[in-house]
Amino acid sequence: MSKGILIYSEVTRENYLHTVTFELANKARELAQKLSDCPIMALVLVKPDLIDEFKEVFRVNGFDKVFYVADERFRTYTTDIFAPVAIKCVRDIDPEIMLIGATNQGRDLAPRISSALHTGLTADCTGLDINESGKLAATRPTFGGQLMATILSKKFPQMATVRPKVFKPMKEFVNVDTNFVRMGYDFCGYKSKIEVLEFTKKITSEINNLDCAEVIVAGGRGMQSAEGFKLLKELADTLGGVVGASRLAVEMGLADKNCQVGQTGKTVIPKLYIACGISGALQHTVGMNNAERVIAINKDRNAPIFEIADYGMVGDAFEIIPKLIQSIKQHT
């Protein structure tokens, strides 16, 4: 019988459970069906006054059991406090599979857990499945995004990190009689060498809205210059969206790194994704192929982007986009 799937539930600086927790929970329910309906569990390290606020959201997202450690030292993430506690918890829980969001915190924590437990870790996965042998089959891009590799772990727990927005949360809540288990550890030996004095958050439009934008107008090297991206910005503003970019556009200095969509950038699931001057290499499409609607604009009618697009326009983006903007404004 499976020992279950454990999800690390990150608490953000704003004192919310990171949305990737619920995206992974939905995927875990699918995996669990192939593992004799094994339990879906969560591990959360949290300050004492927050755990009661989180209980209902764990229940309605299908968690069978939630293990938590409550302590004042979890108010701010520091590696030398979180890592040893998480490692001890995972050893005691002993899951068959452990999933972690590939956030800044998750990317710091996951390899420390896997190293301490002498097990493998497949990072930045875009697909998870259970193979015919009942093993976790974790898929991720490799060779610069040119190929997809499916990786199996030789040891347990089988670990993987998944970027936010790769999977979707449940469309409808479920009601589960979740069992909450407090892990009672002695913290006398846990002392941090780091003191966090202050966080300063950089707030600019595209950088902070790309993750949750419903409309994204993205440009590739075909946009040629900063003037091309100004045109994209005008279209995005007309649609109430934000600007994204391919890796090549970022490398050419046409857009900020924080606007990059793709394997080495962000994963997004907007309602509408307009790809302008983007060829459609796998490195880019793994970051946006779950968009509800994709419109591609490209001079090359054989560009791979048209294979995943719902609608395609073959032509010069510098001629098509101004006409789109004009048409949208006339009908709004």
Protein backbone atom coordinates (compact mmCIF):
# COMPACT_ATOMS: atom_id res chain seq x y z
CA MET A 1 0.00 0.00 0.00
CA SER A 2 1.27 3.45 -0.89
CA LYS A 3 2.50 5.66 1.93
CA GLY A 4 0.92 8.64 0.23
CA ILE A 5 1.79 11.86 -1.58
CA LEU A 6 3.17 14.72 0.52
CA ILE A 7 2.98 18.34 -0.68
CA TYR A 8 5.08 21.06 0.92
CA SER A 9 2.67 23.97 1.53
CA GLU A 10 4.56 27.24 1.40
CA VAL A 11 3.36 30.20 3.44
CA THR A 12 4.06 33.47 1.66
CA ARG A 13 5.43 36.66 3.22
CA GLU A 14 1.88 38.00 3.04
CA ASN A 15 0.71 35.10 5.27
CA TYR A 16 -1.18 33.17 2.58
CA LEU A 17 -0.74 29.61 1.40
CA HIS A 18 0.99 29.81 -1.97
CA THR A 19 -1.41 28.94 -4.80
CA VAL A 20 0.97 26.25 -6.09
CA THR A 21 -0.15 24.16 -3.08
CA PHE A 22 -3.63 23.81 -4.57
CA GLU A 23 -2.36 23.26 -8.10
CA LEU A 24 -0.25 20.36 -6.82
CA ALA A 25 -3.16 19.06 -4.72
CA ASN A 26 -5.35 18.75 -7.79
CA LYS A 27 -2.63 16.90 -9.69
CA ALA A 28 -1.97 14.70 -6.64
CA ARG A 29 -5.61 13.56 -6.66
CA GLU A 30 -5.11 12.34 -10.22
CA LEU A 31 -1.88 10.53 -9.29
CA ALA A 32 -3.44 9.04 -6.17
CA GLN A 33 -6.09 7.26 -8.25
CA LYS A 34 -3.28 5.28 -9.88
CA LEU A 35 -1.84 4.42 -6.48
CA SER A 36 -4.89 2.72 -4.95
CA ASP A 37 -6.31 6.06 -3.79
CA CYS A 38 -3.37 6.73 -1.51
CA PRO A 39 -3.67 9.63 0.97
CA ILE A 40 -2.85 13.19 -0.08
CA MET A 41 -0.95 14.99 2.66
CA ALA A 42 0.52 18.42 3.31
CA LEU A 43 3.43 19.69 5.36
CA VAL A 44 3.28 23.30 6.51
CA LEU A 45 5.73 25.20 8.70
CA VAL A 46 3.80 28.10 10.12
CA LYS A 47 3.70 30.70 12.82
CA PRO A 48 1.27 29.69 15.63
CA ASP A 49 -1.47 32.24 14.98
CA LEU A 50 -2.03 31.20 11.35
CA ILE A 51 -2.70 27.48 11.34
CA ASP A 52 -6.37 27.77 12.33
CA GLU A 53 -6.95 30.18 9.43
CA PHE A 54 -5.63 27.60 6.97
CA LYS A 55 -7.63 24.57 8.12
CA GLU A 56 -10.75 25.18 6.03
CA VAL A 57 -8.81 25.74 2.79
CA PHE A 58 -6.96 22.45 3.31
CA ARG A 59 -10.28 20.65 3.84
CA VAL A 60 -11.96 21.94 0.69
CA ASN A 61 -8.89 21.18 -1.46
CA GLY A 62 -8.96 17.47 -0.71
CA PHE A 63 -6.13 16.96 1.77
CA ASP A 64 -6.55 13.80 3.85
CA LYS A 65 -3.91 14.74 6.40
CA VAL A 66 -1.99 17.91 7.22
CA PHE A 67 1.20 17.79 9.26
CA TYR A 68 2.20 21.13 10.71
CA VAL A 69 4.90 22.62 12.89
CA ALA A 70 3.95 25.87 14.60
CA ASP A 71 6.64 28.16 15.92
CA GLU A 72 7.46 31.88 15.99
CA ARG A 73 10.63 31.23 14.01
CA PHE A 74 8.56 30.44 10.93
CA ARG A 75 7.42 34.06 10.54
CA THR A 76 10.18 34.61 7.96
CA TYR A 77 11.82 32.01 5.75
CA THR A 78 15.44 31.26 6.56
CA THR A 79 17.19 28.18 5.23
CA ASP A 80 18.94 27.20 8.45
CA ILE A 81 15.64 26.99 10.37
CA PHE A 82 13.23 25.65 7.76
CA ALA A 83 15.52 23.04 6.17
CA PRO A 84 16.39 20.93 9.25
CA VAL A 85 12.79 20.99 10.48
CA ALA A 86 11.42 20.01 7.05
CA ILE A 87 13.98 17.20 6.75
CA LYS A 88 12.99 15.80 10.15
CA CYS A 89 9.30 16.00 9.27
CA VAL A 90 9.72 14.20 5.94
CA ARG A 91 11.75 11.45 7.62
CA ASP A 92 8.99 10.94 10.19
CA ILE A 93 6.11 11.12 7.69
CA ASP A 94 7.95 8.82 5.24
CA PRO A 95 5.90 9.53 2.08
CA GLU A 96 6.27 7.66 -1.18
CA ILE A 97 6.16 10.89 -3.23
CA MET A 98 6.95 14.47 -2.23
CA LEU A 99 5.98 17.46 -4.40
CA ILE A 100 7.25 21.01 -3.88
CA GLY A 101 6.43 24.20 -5.74
CA ALA A 102 9.41 25.56 -7.69
CA THR A 103 9.16 28.98 -6.05
CA ASN A 104 12.21 30.78 -4.68
CA GLN A 105 11.61 29.09 -1.34
CA GLY A 106 10.88 25.69 -2.86
CA ARG A 107 13.98 25.78 -5.04
CA ASP A 108 16.07 26.50 -1.97
CA LEU A 109 14.44 23.90 0.25
CA ALA A 110 13.88 20.92 -2.09
CA PRO A 111 17.52 20.05 -2.86
CA ARG A 112 18.42 20.29 0.83
CA ILE A 113 15.70 17.77 1.68
CA SER A 114 16.63 15.39 -1.14
CA SER A 115 20.33 15.59 -0.30
CA ALA A 116 19.74 14.86 3.39
CA LEU A 117 17.48 11.90 2.52
CA HIS A 118 19.87 10.61 -0.16
CA THR A 119 17.16 10.55 -2.79
CA GLY A 120 16.76 12.05 -6.25
CA LEU A 121 15.04 15.30 -7.19
CA THR A 122 13.55 16.16 -10.59
CA ALA A 123 13.38 19.95 -10.82
CA ASP A 124 11.06 22.29 -12.75
CA CYS A 125 8.70 19.58 -13.98
CA THR A 126 6.01 20.27 -16.55
CA GLY A 127 4.33 16.87 -16.27
CA LEU A 128 3.74 14.21 -13.60
CA ASP A 129 2.34 10.72 -14.02
CA ILE A 130 2.44 7.23 -12.50
CA ASN A 131 3.97 4.63 -14.82
CA GLU A 132 3.00 0.98 -15.21
CA SER A 133 5.33 0.04 -12.33
CA GLY A 134 3.67 2.46 -9.94
CA LYS A 135 6.62 4.88 -9.99
CA LEU A 136 6.47 8.67 -10.31
CA ALA A 137 7.30 9.64 -13.90
CA ALA A 138 8.41 13.29 -13.80
CA THR A 139 8.77 15.13 -17.11
CA ARG A 140 10.85 18.25 -17.65
CA PRO A 141 12.48 20.11 -20.57
CA THR A 142 16.16 19.41 -21.16
CA PHE A 143 18.97 20.38 -23.55
CA GLY A 144 17.93 24.03 -23.48
CA GLY A 145 14.28 23.18 -23.99
CA GLN A 146 14.87 21.17 -27.18
CA LEU A 147 13.79 17.83 -25.68
CA MET A 148 11.45 16.55 -22.97
CA ALA A 149 12.89 14.00 -20.53
CA THR A 150 10.83 11.70 -18.30
CA ILE A 151 12.79 10.81 -15.17
CA LEU A 152 12.26 8.04 -12.61
CA SER A 153 13.74 8.05 -9.11
CA LYS A 154 15.61 5.00 -7.82
CA LYS A 155 15.02 5.87 -4.17
CA PHE A 156 12.23 7.10 -1.89
CA PRO A 157 10.69 9.50 -1.39
CA GLN A 158 10.40 10.27 -5.08
CA MET A 159 10.75 14.04 -5.21
CA ALA A 160 9.88 16.67 -7.80
CA THR A 161 9.46 20.42 -7.96
CA VAL A 162 6.82 21.99 -10.19
CA ARG A 163 6.63 25.62 -11.19
CA PRO A 164 3.49 27.58 -10.31
CA LYS A 165 0.83 27.67 -13.06
CA VAL A 166 1.91 24.39 -14.69
CA PHE A 167 -1.17 22.65 -13.26
CA LYS A 168 -4.59 24.08 -12.54
CA PRO A 169 -6.34 23.97 -9.15
CA MET A 170 -9.65 22.16 -8.76
CA LYS A 171 -12.60 23.81 -10.48
CA GLU A 172 -14.91 22.81 -7.64
CA PHE A 173 -14.11 22.41 -3.96
CA VAL A 174 -14.48 19.05 -2.22
CA ASN A 175 -15.21 18.44 1.44
CA VAL A 176 -12.75 16.15 3.17
CA ASP A 177 -12.54 15.27 6.85
CA THR A 178 -8.91 16.36 7.08
CA ASN A 179 -6.82 15.07 9.96
CA PHE A 180 -4.50 17.78 11.35
CA VAL A 181 -1.38 16.48 13.07
CA ARG A 182 0.89 18.77 15.05
CA MET A 183 4.53 17.69 14.92
CA GLY A 184 5.87 18.41 18.39
CA TYR A 185 9.58 19.06 18.10
CA ASP A 186 12.08 20.52 20.56
CA PHE A 187 13.47 23.68 19.00
CA CYS A 188 16.27 24.27 21.48
CA GLY A 189 18.93 23.27 18.97
CA TYR A 190 17.53 25.29 16.06
CA LYS A 191 19.16 28.71 15.88
CA SER A 192 19.45 30.87 12.79
CA LYS A 193 22.64 32.62 11.83
CA ILE A 194 20.60 35.05 9.73
CA GLU A 195 18.49 37.97 10.88
CA VAL A 196 16.10 39.38 8.29
CA LEU A 197 15.75 43.12 8.90
CA GLU A 198 13.50 44.24 6.06
CA PHE A 199 11.95 43.21 2.75
CA THR A 200 11.65 45.77 -0.05
CA LYS A 201 9.35 44.66 -2.87
CA LYS A 202 9.91 46.01 -6.37
CA ILE A 203 6.57 47.03 -7.82
CA THR A 204 6.23 47.63 -11.56
CA SER A 205 3.36 46.69 -13.83
CA GLU A 206 4.47 43.79 -16.03
CA ILE A 207 6.93 42.32 -13.55
CA ASN A 208 4.45 41.74 -10.79
CA ASN A 209 1.30 41.09 -12.84
CA LEU A 210 2.58 38.53 -15.34
CA ASP A 211 1.84 35.54 -13.09
CA CYS A 212 -1.85 36.38 -12.70
CA ALA A 213 -2.59 38.28 -15.93
CA GLU A 214 -5.63 37.17 -17.91
CA VAL A 215 -4.27 38.71 -21.12
CA ILE A 216 -0.59 38.57 -22.15
CA VAL A 217 0.86 40.09 -25.32
CA ALA A 218 4.27 38.50 -25.78
CA GLY A 219 7.04 39.39 -28.21
CA GLY A 220 10.00 37.53 -29.64
CA ARG A 221 13.03 38.54 -31.65
CA GLY A 222 10.69 39.24 -34.56
CA MET A 223 9.71 42.48 -32.80
CA GLN A 224 13.26 43.62 -33.60
CA SER A 225 13.63 46.64 -31.30
CA ALA A 226 12.45 48.51 -28.23
CA GLU A 227 10.00 50.33 -30.52
CA GLY A 228 8.47 46.96 -31.37
CA PHE A 229 7.86 46.27 -27.69
CA LYS A 230 6.29 49.71 -27.26
CA LEU A 231 3.78 48.59 -29.87
CA LEU A 232 3.13 45.42 -27.86
CA LYS A 233 2.63 47.53 -24.74
CA GLU A 234 0.02 49.62 -26.57
CA LEU A 235 -1.86 46.48 -27.60
CA ALA A 236 -1.62 45.05 -24.08
CA ASP A 237 -2.94 48.29 -22.56
CA THR A 238 -5.83 48.31 -25.03
CA LEU A 239 -6.79 44.78 -23.97
CA GLY A 240 -6.17 45.36 -20.26
CA GLY A 241 -3.22 42.98 -20.29
CA VAL A 242 0.53 42.93 -19.75
CA VAL A 243 3.63 42.33 -21.86
CA GLY A 244 5.64 39.10 -21.91
CA ALA A 245 8.74 38.10 -23.84
CA SER A 246 10.64 35.13 -25.21
CA ARG A 247 14.16 34.31 -24.04
CA LEU A 248 15.69 35.58 -27.28
CA ALA A 249 13.91 38.92 -26.91
CA VAL A 250 15.28 39.24 -23.38
CA GLU A 251 18.80 38.30 -24.54
CA MET A 252 18.54 40.97 -27.25
CA GLY A 253 17.76 43.54 -24.56
CA LEU A 254 14.23 44.19 -25.83
CA ALA A 255 12.52 43.26 -22.54
CA ASP A 256 13.29 42.78 -18.87
CA LYS A 257 14.24 39.28 -17.64
CA ASN A 258 11.25 39.33 -15.29
CA CYS A 259 8.93 39.47 -18.32
CA GLN A 260 10.32 36.23 -19.77
CA VAL A 261 7.93 33.35 -20.37
CA GLY A 262 9.26 29.84 -20.85
CA GLN A 263 11.47 27.17 -19.38
CA THR A 264 13.95 29.68 -17.93
CA GLY A 265 11.27 32.28 -17.26
CA LYS A 266 7.73 32.16 -15.92
CA THR A 267 4.89 29.72 -16.53
CA VAL A 268 1.58 31.45 -17.23
CA ILE A 269 -2.03 30.39 -17.80
CA PRO A 270 -3.84 33.47 -19.14
CA LYS A 271 -7.23 33.45 -20.81
CA LEU A 272 -5.61 35.00 -23.91
CA TYR A 273 -1.98 34.78 -25.06
CA ILE A 274 -0.94 36.73 -28.17
CA ALA A 275 2.47 35.64 -29.47
CA CYS A 276 4.01 38.23 -31.77
CA GLY A 277 7.19 37.45 -33.69
CA ILE A 278 7.77 34.31 -31.59
CA SER A 279 8.87 31.21 -33.51
CA GLY A 280 7.44 28.75 -30.96
CA ALA A 281 10.48 26.84 -29.75
CA LEU A 282 9.79 24.32 -26.97
CA GLN A 283 11.81 26.47 -24.55
CA HIS A 284 9.08 29.13 -24.82
CA THR A 285 5.94 27.07 -25.34
CA VAL A 286 6.38 25.01 -22.14
CA GLY A 287 5.70 28.27 -20.29
CA MET A 288 2.45 29.19 -22.04
CA ASN A 289 0.90 26.12 -23.71
CA ASN A 290 -1.86 25.89 -21.10
CA ALA A 291 -3.29 29.29 -22.03
CA GLU A 292 -7.02 29.09 -22.79
CA ARG A 293 -6.63 30.84 -26.17
CA VAL A 294 -3.46 31.43 -28.18
CA ILE A 295 -3.21 33.85 -31.10
CA ALA A 296 0.01 33.80 -33.13
CA ILE A 297 1.29 36.55 -35.43
CA ASN A 298 4.33 35.64 -37.51
CA LYS A 299 5.75 36.23 -40.98
CA ASP A 300 6.78 32.59 -41.30
CA ARG A 301 3.73 30.44 -42.03
CA ASN A 302 5.77 27.36 -41.03
CA ALA A 303 6.67 28.69 -37.58
CA PRO A 304 6.07 26.03 -34.87
CA ILE A 305 3.96 28.50 -32.87
CA PHE A 306 1.09 27.94 -35.32
CA GLU A 307 0.92 24.28 -34.29
CA ILE A 308 -0.32 25.20 -30.82
CA ALA A 309 -2.18 28.40 -31.71
CA ASP A 310 -5.98 28.52 -31.80
CA TYR A 311 -5.82 31.35 -34.34
CA GLY A 312 -2.95 32.40 -36.57
CA MET A 313 -2.14 35.50 -38.60
CA VAL A 314 0.61 35.20 -41.20
CA GLY A 315 2.09 38.62 -41.82
CA ASP A 316 4.13 41.51 -40.49
CA ALA A 317 3.35 42.21 -36.83
CA PHE A 318 4.19 45.88 -37.37
CA GLU A 319 1.32 46.09 -39.87
CA ILE A 320 -1.15 43.77 -38.10
CA ILE A 321 -0.89 45.09 -34.51
CA PRO A 322 -1.81 48.74 -35.27
CA LYS A 323 -4.89 47.50 -37.15
CA LEU A 324 -5.81 45.29 -34.20
CA ILE A 325 -5.48 48.20 -31.79
CA GLN A 326 -7.61 50.42 -34.01
CA SER A 327 -10.28 47.72 -34.40
CA ILE A 328 -10.43 47.01 -30.65
CA LYS A 329 -10.81 50.69 -29.82
CA GLN A 330 -13.62 51.04 -32.35
CA HIS A 331 -15.56 48.20 -30.76
CA THR A 332 -15.10 49.16 -27.10
